[in-house]
């Protein structure tokens, strides 16, 4: 399980109200949520993002309210991974539950530039910046988390276990 795509770089404290504004919480439809992902932070994001792209942000990504809509919106618009030095704990858990890979790596967060091409190996935690040739080491996911992500989230994982 890997990711490869262009980096979208944002700062620290990107909260769930910016990821998916509260005015869109009347739906749980992933496609509808994706259309509004990050629109209050970056009006052009949804027009530019492509499947496989990666969000690289500053510390405390996903702070704010504990809505599951935030990782759903990010994943539904095609983002394959979020990299930050730290995540709000409830966002971290919601992301894994929804099958959105997230990696903590302060060095990559600081050095990767907007638009850089990244390749991420979830089993080793290696983040390669194909634009600069630099590599960064994040803590790899434990096997059970890789299984949850591969099953498209916790519900899919439980369904597989109960077959």
N, C-alpha and C. Protein backbone atom coordinates (compact mmCIF):
# COMPACT_ATOMS: atom_id res chain seq x y z
N UNK A 1 0.86 -1.17 0.00
CA UNK A 1 0.00 0.00 0.00
C UNK A 1 0.90 1.23 0.00
N UNK A 2 0.75 2.05 -1.02
CA UNK A 2 1.60 3.22 -1.18
C UNK A 2 0.79 4.39 -1.72
N UNK A 3 1.42 5.56 -1.69
CA UNK A 3 0.80 6.76 -2.24
C UNK A 3 1.82 7.45 -3.13
N UNK A 4 1.32 8.10 -4.16
CA UNK A 4 2.18 8.89 -5.02
C UNK A 4 1.36 10.02 -5.61
N UNK A 5 1.87 11.25 -5.43
CA UNK A 5 1.15 12.40 -5.97
C UNK A 5 1.82 13.71 -5.61
N UNK A 6 1.18 14.75 -6.02
CA UNK A 6 1.66 16.12 -5.81
C UNK A 6 1.33 16.57 -4.39
N UNK A 7 2.23 17.34 -3.80
CA UNK A 7 2.02 17.87 -2.45
C UNK A 7 1.21 19.16 -2.49
N UNK A 8 0.23 19.23 -1.62
CA UNK A 8 -0.52 20.46 -1.34
C UNK A 8 -0.10 20.89 0.05
N UNK A 9 0.58 22.01 0.17
CA UNK A 9 1.20 22.43 1.43
C UNK A 9 0.34 23.47 2.15
N UNK A 10 0.09 23.21 3.43
CA UNK A 10 -0.68 24.12 4.28
C UNK A 10 0.03 24.28 5.61
N UNK A 11 -0.38 25.25 6.37
CA UNK A 11 0.26 25.57 7.64
C UNK A 11 -0.25 24.74 8.81
N UNK A 12 0.02 25.26 10.00
CA UNK A 12 -0.36 24.59 11.24
C UNK A 12 -1.82 24.87 11.57
N UNK A 13 -2.38 24.02 12.43
CA UNK A 13 -3.71 24.19 13.00
C UNK A 13 -4.82 24.25 11.95
N UNK A 14 -4.71 23.45 10.92
CA UNK A 14 -5.80 23.34 9.94
C UNK A 14 -6.91 22.57 10.64
N UNK A 15 -8.00 23.28 10.95
CA UNK A 15 -9.04 22.64 11.75
C UNK A 15 -10.14 22.02 10.88
N UNK A 16 -10.96 21.21 11.54
CA UNK A 16 -11.99 20.49 10.81
C UNK A 16 -13.03 21.42 10.20
N UNK A 17 -13.21 22.62 10.76
CA UNK A 17 -14.14 23.59 10.17
C UNK A 17 -13.62 24.14 8.86
N UNK A 18 -12.30 24.13 8.68
CA UNK A 18 -11.71 24.56 7.41
C UNK A 18 -11.67 23.38 6.44
N UNK A 19 -11.42 22.18 6.94
CA UNK A 19 -11.39 21.01 6.07
C UNK A 19 -12.74 20.81 5.41
N UNK A 20 -13.80 20.84 6.21
CA UNK A 20 -15.16 20.77 5.66
C UNK A 20 -16.03 21.71 6.50
N UNK A 21 -16.37 22.87 5.93
CA UNK A 21 -17.14 23.86 6.69
C UNK A 21 -18.47 23.30 7.19
N UNK A 22 -18.87 23.77 8.36
CA UNK A 22 -20.07 23.27 9.04
C UNK A 22 -21.33 23.40 8.18
N UNK A 23 -21.35 24.36 7.28
CA UNK A 23 -22.55 24.54 6.44
C UNK A 23 -22.82 23.35 5.52
N UNK A 24 -21.85 22.43 5.40
CA UNK A 24 -22.03 21.26 4.54
C UNK A 24 -22.24 19.97 5.34
N UNK A 25 -22.42 20.09 6.62
CA UNK A 25 -22.55 18.89 7.45
C UNK A 25 -23.94 18.27 7.42
N UNK A 26 -24.81 18.80 6.59
CA UNK A 26 -26.15 18.23 6.45
C UNK A 26 -26.16 17.02 5.52
N UNK A 27 -24.99 16.62 5.04
CA UNK A 27 -24.89 15.44 4.18
C UNK A 27 -23.75 14.56 4.67
N UNK A 28 -23.88 13.29 4.44
CA UNK A 28 -22.80 12.35 4.70
C UNK A 28 -22.27 11.77 3.39
N UNK A 29 -22.78 12.28 2.26
CA UNK A 29 -22.37 11.79 0.94
C UNK A 29 -20.92 12.19 0.67
N UNK A 30 -20.01 11.22 0.54
CA UNK A 30 -18.60 11.55 0.33
C UNK A 30 -18.35 12.44 -0.89
N UNK A 31 -19.04 12.19 -1.98
CA UNK A 31 -18.84 13.00 -3.20
C UNK A 31 -19.23 14.46 -2.96
N UNK A 32 -20.31 14.67 -2.25
CA UNK A 32 -20.75 16.04 -1.95
C UNK A 32 -19.77 16.72 -1.00
N UNK A 33 -19.31 16.00 0.00
CA UNK A 33 -18.32 16.56 0.93
C UNK A 33 -17.02 16.91 0.19
N UNK A 34 -16.60 16.05 -0.72
CA UNK A 34 -15.37 16.28 -1.47
C UNK A 34 -15.43 17.59 -2.26
N UNK A 35 -16.58 17.93 -2.79
CA UNK A 35 -16.72 19.16 -3.58
C UNK A 35 -16.42 20.42 -2.77
N UNK A 36 -16.47 20.31 -1.44
CA UNK A 36 -16.28 21.48 -0.58
C UNK A 36 -15.04 21.37 0.30
N UNK A 37 -14.24 20.35 0.09
CA UNK A 37 -13.05 20.12 0.91
C UNK A 37 -12.08 21.30 0.80
N UNK A 38 -11.71 21.84 1.92
CA UNK A 38 -10.74 22.93 2.06
C UNK A 38 -11.13 24.23 1.35
N UNK A 39 -12.38 24.39 0.96
CA UNK A 39 -12.74 25.57 0.16
C UNK A 39 -12.56 26.89 0.91
N UNK A 40 -12.64 26.89 2.23
CA UNK A 40 -12.44 28.14 2.97
C UNK A 40 -10.96 28.44 3.19
N UNK A 41 -10.09 27.47 2.95
CA UNK A 41 -8.64 27.66 3.09
C UNK A 41 -7.98 27.89 1.73
N UNK A 42 -8.43 27.14 0.73
CA UNK A 42 -7.82 27.19 -0.60
C UNK A 42 -8.92 26.98 -1.64
N UNK A 43 -9.44 28.06 -2.16
CA UNK A 43 -10.55 28.01 -3.13
C UNK A 43 -10.24 27.15 -4.36
N UNK A 44 -8.97 27.01 -4.72
CA UNK A 44 -8.61 26.27 -5.93
C UNK A 44 -8.28 24.81 -5.67
N UNK A 45 -8.24 24.40 -4.40
CA UNK A 45 -7.83 23.03 -4.07
C UNK A 45 -8.63 21.99 -4.84
N UNK A 46 -9.93 22.06 -4.78
CA UNK A 46 -10.77 21.01 -5.36
C UNK A 46 -10.64 20.97 -6.89
N UNK A 47 -10.28 22.07 -7.50
CA UNK A 47 -10.06 22.10 -8.96
C UNK A 47 -8.71 21.49 -9.33
N UNK A 48 -7.73 21.59 -8.43
CA UNK A 48 -6.37 21.15 -8.73
C UNK A 48 -6.03 19.75 -8.24
N UNK A 49 -6.69 19.28 -7.19
CA UNK A 49 -6.34 18.00 -6.60
C UNK A 49 -6.66 16.86 -7.56
N UNK A 50 -5.78 15.88 -7.58
CA UNK A 50 -5.93 14.70 -8.42
C UNK A 50 -5.79 13.45 -7.56
N UNK A 51 -6.38 12.35 -7.98
CA UNK A 51 -6.23 11.11 -7.21
C UNK A 51 -4.76 10.78 -6.95
N UNK A 52 -4.46 10.51 -5.70
CA UNK A 52 -3.10 10.17 -5.29
C UNK A 52 -2.37 11.33 -4.65
N UNK A 53 -2.84 12.55 -4.81
CA UNK A 53 -2.15 13.70 -4.24
C UNK A 53 -2.09 13.61 -2.72
N UNK A 54 -1.18 14.39 -2.14
CA UNK A 54 -0.87 14.32 -0.71
C UNK A 54 -0.99 15.70 -0.09
N UNK A 55 -1.63 15.79 1.06
CA UNK A 55 -1.64 17.03 1.82
C UNK A 55 -0.48 16.99 2.80
N UNK A 56 0.33 18.05 2.79
CA UNK A 56 1.43 18.20 3.74
C UNK A 56 1.13 19.47 4.52
N UNK A 57 1.08 19.33 5.84
CA UNK A 57 0.64 20.46 6.66
C UNK A 57 1.52 20.61 7.89
N UNK A 58 1.26 21.68 8.62
CA UNK A 58 1.95 21.93 9.88
C UNK A 58 1.33 21.13 11.01
N UNK A 59 1.76 21.43 12.20
CA UNK A 59 1.33 20.68 13.38
C UNK A 59 -0.15 20.86 13.69
N UNK A 60 -0.67 19.90 14.45
CA UNK A 60 -2.04 19.92 14.96
C UNK A 60 -3.09 19.89 13.85
N UNK A 61 -2.81 19.17 12.77
CA UNK A 61 -3.76 19.05 11.67
C UNK A 61 -5.02 18.36 12.18
N UNK A 62 -6.18 18.88 11.79
CA UNK A 62 -7.45 18.27 12.14
C UNK A 62 -7.97 18.65 13.52
N UNK A 63 -7.44 19.74 14.07
CA UNK A 63 -7.94 20.19 15.37
C UNK A 63 -9.37 20.71 15.21
N UNK A 64 -10.02 20.98 16.30
CA UNK A 64 -11.39 21.49 16.24
C UNK A 64 -12.38 20.41 16.61
N UNK A 65 -13.54 20.47 16.00
CA UNK A 65 -14.60 19.52 16.35
C UNK A 65 -14.27 18.12 15.85
N UNK A 66 -14.92 17.16 16.43
CA UNK A 66 -14.57 15.75 16.19
C UNK A 66 -15.38 15.12 15.07
N UNK A 67 -15.67 15.87 14.04
CA UNK A 67 -16.51 15.33 12.96
C UNK A 67 -15.77 14.35 12.06
N UNK A 68 -16.44 13.25 11.75
CA UNK A 68 -15.88 12.27 10.82
C UNK A 68 -15.93 12.78 9.39
N UNK A 69 -16.72 13.80 9.14
CA UNK A 69 -16.83 14.35 7.79
C UNK A 69 -15.48 14.82 7.24
N UNK A 70 -14.58 15.28 8.11
CA UNK A 70 -13.31 15.84 7.65
C UNK A 70 -12.44 14.81 6.93
N UNK A 71 -12.11 13.67 7.54
CA UNK A 71 -11.32 12.70 6.78
C UNK A 71 -12.09 12.10 5.60
N UNK A 72 -13.40 12.01 5.70
CA UNK A 72 -14.20 11.51 4.57
C UNK A 72 -14.06 12.45 3.38
N UNK A 73 -14.15 13.77 3.62
CA UNK A 73 -14.02 14.75 2.54
C UNK A 73 -12.65 14.69 1.89
N UNK A 74 -11.61 14.60 2.71
CA UNK A 74 -10.24 14.55 2.20
C UNK A 74 -10.05 13.30 1.33
N UNK A 75 -10.46 12.17 1.85
CA UNK A 75 -10.30 10.91 1.11
C UNK A 75 -11.12 10.91 -0.18
N UNK A 76 -12.36 11.42 -0.10
CA UNK A 76 -13.26 11.38 -1.25
C UNK A 76 -12.79 12.26 -2.40
N UNK A 77 -11.98 13.27 -2.11
CA UNK A 77 -11.50 14.10 -3.23
C UNK A 77 -10.22 13.54 -3.84
N UNK A 78 -9.79 12.38 -3.37
CA UNK A 78 -8.67 11.69 -4.01
C UNK A 78 -7.35 11.76 -3.28
N UNK A 79 -7.29 12.48 -2.18
CA UNK A 79 -6.03 12.58 -1.43
C UNK A 79 -5.68 11.20 -0.89
N UNK A 80 -4.42 10.79 -1.12
CA UNK A 80 -4.00 9.45 -0.71
C UNK A 80 -3.35 9.41 0.65
N UNK A 81 -2.97 10.58 1.18
CA UNK A 81 -2.24 10.60 2.44
C UNK A 81 -2.16 12.03 2.95
N UNK A 82 -2.13 12.20 4.27
CA UNK A 82 -1.85 13.49 4.89
C UNK A 82 -0.60 13.31 5.74
N UNK A 83 0.33 14.25 5.58
CA UNK A 83 1.59 14.23 6.34
C UNK A 83 1.65 15.52 7.15
N UNK A 84 1.93 15.38 8.44
CA UNK A 84 2.06 16.53 9.33
C UNK A 84 2.94 16.13 10.51
N UNK A 85 3.48 17.11 11.23
CA UNK A 85 4.26 16.76 12.43
C UNK A 85 3.39 16.15 13.52
N UNK A 86 2.13 16.58 13.58
CA UNK A 86 1.21 16.05 14.59
C UNK A 86 -0.22 16.26 14.12
N UNK A 87 -1.10 15.44 14.66
CA UNK A 87 -2.52 15.50 14.34
C UNK A 87 -3.30 15.61 15.64
N UNK A 88 -4.44 16.29 15.57
CA UNK A 88 -5.35 16.24 16.70
C UNK A 88 -5.73 14.78 16.89
N UNK A 89 -5.76 14.33 18.12
CA UNK A 89 -5.96 12.90 18.40
C UNK A 89 -7.28 12.36 17.85
N UNK A 90 -8.35 13.12 17.96
CA UNK A 90 -9.63 12.61 17.46
C UNK A 90 -9.61 12.54 15.94
N UNK A 91 -8.95 13.49 15.27
CA UNK A 91 -8.82 13.43 13.81
C UNK A 91 -7.99 12.20 13.43
N UNK A 92 -6.91 11.96 14.15
CA UNK A 92 -6.06 10.80 13.87
C UNK A 92 -6.90 9.52 13.88
N UNK A 93 -7.67 9.35 14.94
CA UNK A 93 -8.49 8.14 15.05
C UNK A 93 -9.57 8.10 13.98
N UNK A 94 -10.23 9.22 13.73
CA UNK A 94 -11.26 9.26 12.68
C UNK A 94 -10.67 8.94 11.31
N UNK A 95 -9.46 9.45 11.04
CA UNK A 95 -8.83 9.19 9.74
C UNK A 95 -8.58 7.70 9.55
N UNK A 96 -8.02 7.06 10.56
CA UNK A 96 -7.78 5.61 10.46
C UNK A 96 -9.11 4.87 10.32
N UNK A 97 -10.11 5.26 11.13
CA UNK A 97 -11.42 4.61 11.05
C UNK A 97 -12.03 4.72 9.67
N UNK A 98 -11.77 5.82 8.96
CA UNK A 98 -12.32 6.04 7.62
C UNK A 98 -11.41 5.52 6.51
N UNK A 99 -10.22 5.02 6.89
CA UNK A 99 -9.29 4.47 5.90
C UNK A 99 -8.44 5.52 5.21
N UNK A 100 -8.23 6.67 5.85
CA UNK A 100 -7.37 7.73 5.29
C UNK A 100 -6.00 7.63 5.95
N UNK A 101 -4.96 7.29 5.19
CA UNK A 101 -3.62 7.21 5.76
C UNK A 101 -3.09 8.59 6.18
N UNK A 102 -2.52 8.65 7.37
CA UNK A 102 -1.90 9.88 7.86
C UNK A 102 -0.57 9.51 8.51
N UNK A 103 0.45 10.31 8.23
CA UNK A 103 1.78 10.04 8.78
C UNK A 103 2.31 11.26 9.49
N UNK A 104 2.94 11.02 10.64
CA UNK A 104 3.58 12.10 11.38
C UNK A 104 5.05 12.16 10.99
N UNK A 105 5.46 13.30 10.43
CA UNK A 105 6.86 13.48 10.05
C UNK A 105 7.15 14.98 9.99
N UNK A 106 7.77 15.49 11.05
CA UNK A 106 8.06 16.92 11.15
C UNK A 106 9.03 17.37 10.07
N UNK A 107 10.03 16.58 9.76
CA UNK A 107 11.03 16.97 8.78
C UNK A 107 10.42 17.11 7.38
N UNK A 108 9.60 16.16 6.97
CA UNK A 108 8.94 16.25 5.67
C UNK A 108 8.00 17.45 5.65
N UNK A 109 7.28 17.65 6.72
CA UNK A 109 6.36 18.78 6.81
C UNK A 109 7.09 20.10 6.62
N UNK A 110 8.27 20.22 7.19
CA UNK A 110 9.03 21.47 7.12
C UNK A 110 9.68 21.67 5.75
N UNK A 111 10.11 20.59 5.11
CA UNK A 111 10.95 20.73 3.92
C UNK A 111 10.24 20.54 2.59
N UNK A 112 9.19 19.75 2.54
CA UNK A 112 8.48 19.52 1.28
C UNK A 112 7.82 20.83 0.85
N UNK A 113 7.93 21.15 -0.42
CA UNK A 113 7.33 22.37 -0.96
C UNK A 113 6.02 22.06 -1.68
N UNK A 114 5.16 23.05 -1.74
CA UNK A 114 3.91 22.93 -2.48
C UNK A 114 4.23 22.54 -3.92
N UNK A 115 3.57 21.51 -4.40
CA UNK A 115 3.78 21.07 -5.78
C UNK A 115 4.82 19.98 -5.96
N UNK A 116 5.62 19.69 -4.92
CA UNK A 116 6.60 18.61 -5.04
C UNK A 116 5.89 17.29 -5.28
N UNK A 117 6.52 16.41 -6.03
CA UNK A 117 5.99 15.06 -6.27
C UNK A 117 6.51 14.14 -5.17
N UNK A 118 5.58 13.46 -4.48
CA UNK A 118 5.94 12.60 -3.36
C UNK A 118 5.57 11.15 -3.65
N UNK A 119 6.36 10.26 -3.06
CA UNK A 119 6.04 8.83 -3.05
C UNK A 119 6.14 8.38 -1.60
N UNK A 120 5.10 7.72 -1.11
CA UNK A 120 5.04 7.32 0.29
C UNK A 120 4.83 5.81 0.37
N UNK A 121 5.67 5.16 1.18
CA UNK A 121 5.53 3.72 1.42
C UNK A 121 5.00 3.56 2.84
N UNK A 122 3.76 3.13 2.97
CA UNK A 122 3.13 3.03 4.28
C UNK A 122 3.73 1.91 5.12
N UNK A 123 4.24 0.86 4.50
CA UNK A 123 4.79 -0.26 5.28
C UNK A 123 6.12 0.09 5.91
N UNK A 124 6.89 0.99 5.30
CA UNK A 124 8.20 1.37 5.87
C UNK A 124 8.18 2.77 6.48
N UNK A 125 7.19 3.58 6.12
CA UNK A 125 7.14 4.96 6.59
C UNK A 125 8.05 5.90 5.82
N UNK A 126 8.64 5.44 4.73
CA UNK A 126 9.55 6.29 3.95
C UNK A 126 8.74 7.21 3.03
N UNK A 127 9.06 8.49 3.13
CA UNK A 127 8.46 9.52 2.27
C UNK A 127 9.58 10.02 1.37
N UNK A 128 9.41 9.86 0.07
CA UNK A 128 10.43 10.33 -0.87
C UNK A 128 9.89 11.54 -1.62
N UNK A 129 10.67 12.61 -1.61
CA UNK A 129 10.36 13.79 -2.40
C UNK A 129 11.05 13.60 -3.74
N UNK A 130 10.29 13.21 -4.75
CA UNK A 130 10.86 12.91 -6.06
C UNK A 130 11.35 14.17 -6.77
N UNK A 131 10.87 15.33 -6.34
CA UNK A 131 11.30 16.60 -6.93
C UNK A 131 12.70 16.97 -6.46
N UNK A 132 12.97 16.79 -5.17
CA UNK A 132 14.27 17.20 -4.61
C UNK A 132 15.23 16.04 -4.42
N UNK A 133 14.73 14.81 -4.43
CA UNK A 133 15.57 13.66 -4.18
C UNK A 133 15.76 13.33 -2.71
N UNK A 134 15.15 14.10 -1.83
CA UNK A 134 15.28 13.87 -0.38
C UNK A 134 14.32 12.77 0.08
N UNK A 135 14.70 12.11 1.15
CA UNK A 135 13.85 11.09 1.77
C UNK A 135 13.68 11.43 3.25
N UNK A 136 12.54 11.04 3.77
CA UNK A 136 12.19 11.31 5.17
C UNK A 136 11.64 10.03 5.77
N UNK A 137 11.83 9.88 7.07
CA UNK A 137 11.35 8.69 7.75
C UNK A 137 10.24 9.03 8.73
N UNK A 138 9.06 8.54 8.46
CA UNK A 138 7.94 8.62 9.39
C UNK A 138 7.81 7.27 10.08
N UNK A 139 7.11 7.24 11.18
CA UNK A 139 6.83 5.97 11.85
C UNK A 139 5.87 5.19 10.96
N UNK A 140 6.24 3.98 10.54
CA UNK A 140 5.32 3.20 9.70
C UNK A 140 4.10 2.76 10.50
N UNK A 141 3.02 2.50 9.79
CA UNK A 141 1.82 2.00 10.44
C UNK A 141 2.06 0.59 10.95
N UNK A 142 1.55 0.27 12.13
CA UNK A 142 1.56 -1.14 12.54
C UNK A 142 0.69 -1.94 11.57
N UNK A 143 0.92 -3.23 11.54
CA UNK A 143 0.21 -4.09 10.59
C UNK A 143 -1.31 -3.98 10.72
N UNK A 144 -1.82 -3.91 11.93
CA UNK A 144 -3.28 -3.87 12.10
C UNK A 144 -3.87 -2.58 11.52
N UNK A 145 -3.14 -1.47 11.60
CA UNK A 145 -3.64 -0.22 11.00
C UNK A 145 -3.55 -0.31 9.48
N UNK A 146 -2.49 -0.91 8.95
CA UNK A 146 -2.41 -1.11 7.50
C UNK A 146 -3.58 -1.95 7.00
N UNK A 147 -3.99 -2.92 7.79
CA UNK A 147 -5.14 -3.77 7.42
C UNK A 147 -6.44 -2.96 7.44
N UNK A 148 -6.60 -2.09 8.41
CA UNK A 148 -7.80 -1.25 8.48
C UNK A 148 -7.85 -0.33 7.26
N UNK A 149 -6.73 0.29 6.94
CA UNK A 149 -6.68 1.20 5.79
C UNK A 149 -6.93 0.43 4.49
N UNK A 150 -6.32 -0.73 4.36
CA UNK A 150 -6.51 -1.54 3.14
C UNK A 150 -7.96 -1.98 2.97
N UNK A 151 -8.67 -2.13 4.09
CA UNK A 151 -10.09 -2.53 4.04
C UNK A 151 -11.00 -1.33 3.86
N UNK A 152 -10.43 -0.16 3.59
CA UNK A 152 -11.18 1.08 3.38
C UNK A 152 -11.82 1.59 4.66
N UNK A 153 -11.21 1.24 5.80
CA UNK A 153 -11.68 1.76 7.08
C UNK A 153 -12.09 0.67 8.04
N UNK A 154 -12.46 1.09 9.24
CA UNK A 154 -12.78 0.15 10.30
C UNK A 154 -14.01 -0.69 10.00
N UNK A 155 -15.03 -0.11 9.40
CA UNK A 155 -16.24 -0.88 9.08
C UNK A 155 -15.90 -2.00 8.09
N UNK A 156 -15.12 -1.67 7.05
CA UNK A 156 -14.71 -2.69 6.09
C UNK A 156 -13.84 -3.76 6.72
N UNK A 157 -12.98 -3.35 7.63
CA UNK A 157 -12.10 -4.29 8.32
C UNK A 157 -12.91 -5.27 9.16
N UNK A 158 -13.87 -4.76 9.91
CA UNK A 158 -14.72 -5.61 10.74
C UNK A 158 -15.54 -6.56 9.87
N UNK A 159 -16.04 -6.07 8.76
CA UNK A 159 -16.82 -6.92 7.84
C UNK A 159 -15.95 -8.06 7.32
N UNK A 160 -14.68 -7.79 7.00
CA UNK A 160 -13.77 -8.84 6.54
C UNK A 160 -13.52 -9.86 7.64
N UNK A 161 -13.35 -9.38 8.86
CA UNK A 161 -13.06 -10.28 9.98
C UNK A 161 -14.25 -11.18 10.31
N UNK A 162 -15.46 -10.71 10.00
CA UNK A 162 -16.66 -11.46 10.33
C UNK A 162 -17.15 -12.36 9.22
N UNK A 163 -16.42 -12.47 8.16
CA UNK A 163 -16.82 -13.35 7.05
C UNK A 163 -16.56 -14.78 7.36
